[in-house]
C-alpha atoms as a PDB file:
ATOM      1  CA  MET A   1       5.713 -11.178   9.856  1.00  0.00           C
ATOM      2  CA  SER A   2       3.774 -12.881   7.257  1.00  0.00           C
ATOM      3  CA  PRO A   3       2.466 -11.432   4.153  1.00  0.00           C
ATOM      4  CA  ASN A   4      -1.150 -12.118   5.152  1.00  0.00           C
ATOM      5  CA  SER A   5      -0.719 -10.343   8.461  1.00  0.00           C
ATOM      6  CA  LEU A   6       0.682  -7.163   6.749  1.00  0.00           C
ATOM      7  CA  ALA A   7      -2.383  -7.013   4.271  1.00  0.00           C
ATOM      8  CA  GLN A   8      -4.766  -7.389   7.161  1.00  0.00           C
ATOM      9  CA  GLY A   9      -3.062  -4.111   8.942  1.00  0.00           C
ATOM     10  CA  SER A  10      -0.989  -3.419  11.642  1.00  0.00           C
ATOM     11  CA  ALA A  11      -2.267  -3.650  15.384  1.00  0.00           C
ATOM     12  CA  ARG A  12       0.232  -1.434  16.442  1.00  0.00           C
ATOM     13  CA  PRO A  13       1.011   2.237  15.409  1.00  0.00           C
ATOM     14  CA  SER A  14       4.282   3.364  14.141  1.00  0.00           C
ATOM     15  CA  VAL A  15       5.574   5.041  17.018  1.00  0.00           C
ATOM     16  CA  VAL A  16       5.316   1.976  19.137  1.00  0.00           C
ATOM     17  CA  VAL A  17       6.830  -0.184  16.504  1.00  0.00           C
ATOM     18  CA  ASP A  18       9.801   2.721  15.925  1.00  0.00           C
ATOM     19  CA  ALA A  19      10.320   2.542  19.598  1.00  0.00           C
ATOM     20  CA  GLU A  20      10.828  -1.159  19.718  1.00  0.00           C
ATOM     21  CA  ILE A  21      13.404  -0.547  16.687  1.00  0.00           C
ATOM     22  CA  ARG A  22      15.302   1.605  18.454  1.00  0.00           C
ATOM     23  CA  ALA A  23      15.515  -0.417  21.857  1.00  0.00           C
ATOM     24  CA  LEU A  24      16.637  -3.323  20.050  1.00  0.00           C
ATOM     25  CA  LEU A  25      19.437  -1.234  17.931  1.00  0.00           C
ATOM     26  CA  VAL A  26      20.430   0.041  21.510  1.00  0.00           C
ATOM     27  CA  ALA A  27      20.349  -3.259  22.967  1.00  0.00           C
ATOM     28  CA  THR A  28      22.484  -4.830  20.353  1.00  0.00           C
ATOM     29  CA  GLY A  29      24.711  -1.978  19.946  1.00  0.00           C
ATOM     30  CA  GLY A  30      23.902  -1.897  16.660  1.00  0.00           C
ATOM     31  CA  TRP A  31      24.794  -5.204  15.304  1.00  0.00           C
ATOM     32  CA  LEU A  32      22.139  -7.071  13.614  1.00  0.00           C
ATOM     33  CA  TRP A  33      22.829 -10.588  13.078  1.00  0.00           C
ATOM     34  CA  GLY A  34      20.942 -14.259  13.043  1.00  0.00           C
ATOM     35  CA  PRO A  35      17.786 -13.699  15.020  1.00  0.00           C
ATOM     36  CA  THR A  36      18.518 -10.514  16.065  1.00  0.00           C
ATOM     37  CA  ARG A  37      18.646  -9.484  12.130  1.00  0.00           C
ATOM     38  CA  GLU A  38      15.152 -11.512  11.487  1.00  0.00           C
ATOM     39  CA  ARG A  39      13.476  -9.635  14.488  1.00  0.00           C
ATOM     40  CA  TYR A  40      14.693  -6.221  12.988  1.00  0.00           C
ATOM     41  CA  GLU A  41      13.216  -7.423   9.396  1.00  0.00           C
ATOM     42  CA  ARG A  42       9.939  -8.098  10.853  1.00  0.00           C
ATOM     43  CA  LEU A  43       9.838  -4.960  12.605  1.00  0.00           C
ATOM     44  CA  ARG A  44      10.768  -2.798   9.954  1.00  0.00           C
ATOM     45  CA  ASP A  45       8.145  -4.245   7.832  1.00  0.00           C
ATOM     46  CA  GLU A  46       5.830  -3.818  10.748  1.00  0.00           C
ATOM     47  CA  TRP A  47       6.733   0.066  10.743  1.00  0.00           C
ATOM     48  CA  VAL A  48       6.410   0.190   7.105  1.00  0.00           C
ATOM     49  CA  GLN A  49       2.721  -1.196   6.763  1.00  0.00           C
ATOM     50  CA  ALA A  50       1.754   1.071  10.161  1.00  0.00           C
ATOM     51  CA  VAL A  51       2.985   4.272   8.298  1.00  0.00           C
ATOM     52  CA  ARG A  52       1.105   3.327   5.135  1.00  0.00           C
ATOM     53  CA  GLU A  53      -2.110   2.842   7.057  1.00  0.00           C
ATOM     54  CA  GLU A  54      -1.672   6.268   9.017  1.00  0.00           C
ATOM     55  CA  ILE A  55      -0.807   8.094   5.943  1.00  0.00           C
ATOM     56  CA  VAL A  56      -4.049   6.435   4.510  1.00  0.00           C
ATOM     57  CA  LYS A  57      -6.026   7.394   7.340  1.00  0.00           C
ATOM     58  CA  ALA A  58      -4.860  10.774   7.232  1.00  0.00           C
ATOM     59  CA  ALA A  59      -5.516  11.307   3.586  1.00  0.00           C
END
């Protein structure tokens, strides 16, 4: 995920991204390397941004 897309906001709620992260971990047995690690890191960054946006909206 590029920094620009993070600045523009998350298109998906944190619970959706969290579910995708959990599914990725289950599918890989918790082993994150190569492209799988890169995918996880992009999802993690998206999740962090989504949580931040949800906190701001709630405040």
